[in-house]
Amino acid sequence: MTEKKLIGYYIIASAVIWGVVIIGCASGLKGTTCYDKISPILIGGAVAHLIFVWGPLANQFRQAKE
């Protein structure tokens, strides 16, 4: 698998994670005005994004420089 193709998969994974976060926020806000329901979803999405997408992507960039 080429490096460009692998990076493309990480970008797609990023979009999927944030799509799920947005849908989760919409579900949490449905009929309420409570921020407490959506903050865990947003925090979980941000953490998952950093760990599962940008961590490996940064590693790929580092390897490409070497």
Protein backbone atom coordinates (compact mmCIF):
# COMPACT_ATOMS: atom_id res chain seq x y z
CA MET A 1 0.00 0.00 0.00
CA THR A 2 1.40 3.37 -0.94
CA GLU A 3 1.93 6.08 1.61
CA LYS A 4 -0.49 8.47 -0.12
CA LYS A 5 -3.21 5.84 -0.09
CA LEU A 6 -2.68 5.21 3.63
CA ILE A 7 -2.89 8.91 4.43
CA GLY A 8 -6.14 9.03 2.45
CA TYR A 9 -7.58 6.33 4.69
CA TYR A 10 -6.67 8.36 7.77
CA ILE A 11 -8.41 11.40 6.34
CA ILE A 12 -11.54 9.35 5.60
CA ALA A 13 -11.44 7.94 9.13
CA SER A 14 -11.26 11.49 10.46
CA ALA A 15 -14.36 12.47 8.49
CA VAL A 16 -16.26 9.40 9.71
CA ILE A 17 -15.40 10.08 13.36
CA TRP A 18 -16.53 13.69 13.15
CA GLY A 19 -19.67 12.68 11.26
CA VAL A 20 -20.57 10.38 14.15
CA VAL A 21 -19.82 13.18 16.62
CA ILE A 22 -22.09 15.61 14.79
CA ILE A 23 -24.92 13.07 14.58
CA GLY A 24 -24.45 12.27 18.27
CA CYS A 25 -24.63 15.96 19.17
CA ALA A 26 -27.78 16.41 17.10
CA SER A 27 -29.36 13.45 18.91
CA GLY A 28 -28.30 14.82 22.28
CA LEU A 29 -29.74 18.26 21.53
CA LYS A 30 -33.02 16.95 20.20
CA GLY A 31 -35.73 18.49 22.37
CA THR A 32 -33.32 19.78 25.05
CA THR A 33 -31.25 22.83 25.86
CA CYS A 34 -28.77 20.98 28.07
CA TYR A 35 -25.06 21.27 27.24
CA ASP A 36 -24.17 18.48 29.67
CA LYS A 37 -25.59 15.91 27.26
CA ILE A 38 -23.38 16.88 24.34
CA SER A 39 -20.09 17.76 26.04
CA PRO A 40 -19.08 14.09 26.65
CA ILE A 41 -19.80 13.29 23.00
CA LEU A 42 -17.67 16.19 21.80
CA ILE A 43 -14.83 15.40 24.19
CA GLY A 44 -14.93 11.71 23.28
CA GLY A 45 -14.89 12.54 19.58
CA ALA A 46 -11.96 14.91 19.94
CA VAL A 47 -9.95 12.41 21.97
CA ALA A 48 -10.72 9.55 19.56
CA HIS A 49 -9.75 11.77 16.65
CA LEU A 50 -6.41 12.68 18.19
CA ILE A 51 -5.54 9.13 19.24
CA PHE A 52 -6.78 7.06 16.32
CA VAL A 53 -6.27 9.45 13.41
CA TRP A 54 -3.67 12.12 14.04
CA GLY A 55 -1.37 9.95 16.16
CA PRO A 56 -0.78 7.38 13.39
CA LEU A 57 -0.81 10.12 10.75
CA ALA A 58 1.94 12.02 12.57
CA ASN A 59 3.91 8.78 12.75
CA GLN A 60 3.54 8.31 8.97
CA PHE A 61 4.77 11.86 8.35
CA ARG A 62 7.75 11.25 10.62
CA GLN A 63 8.63 8.04 8.79
CA ALA A 64 8.33 9.77 5.41
CA LYS A 65 10.86 12.41 6.49
CA GLU A 66 13.39 9.77 7.52
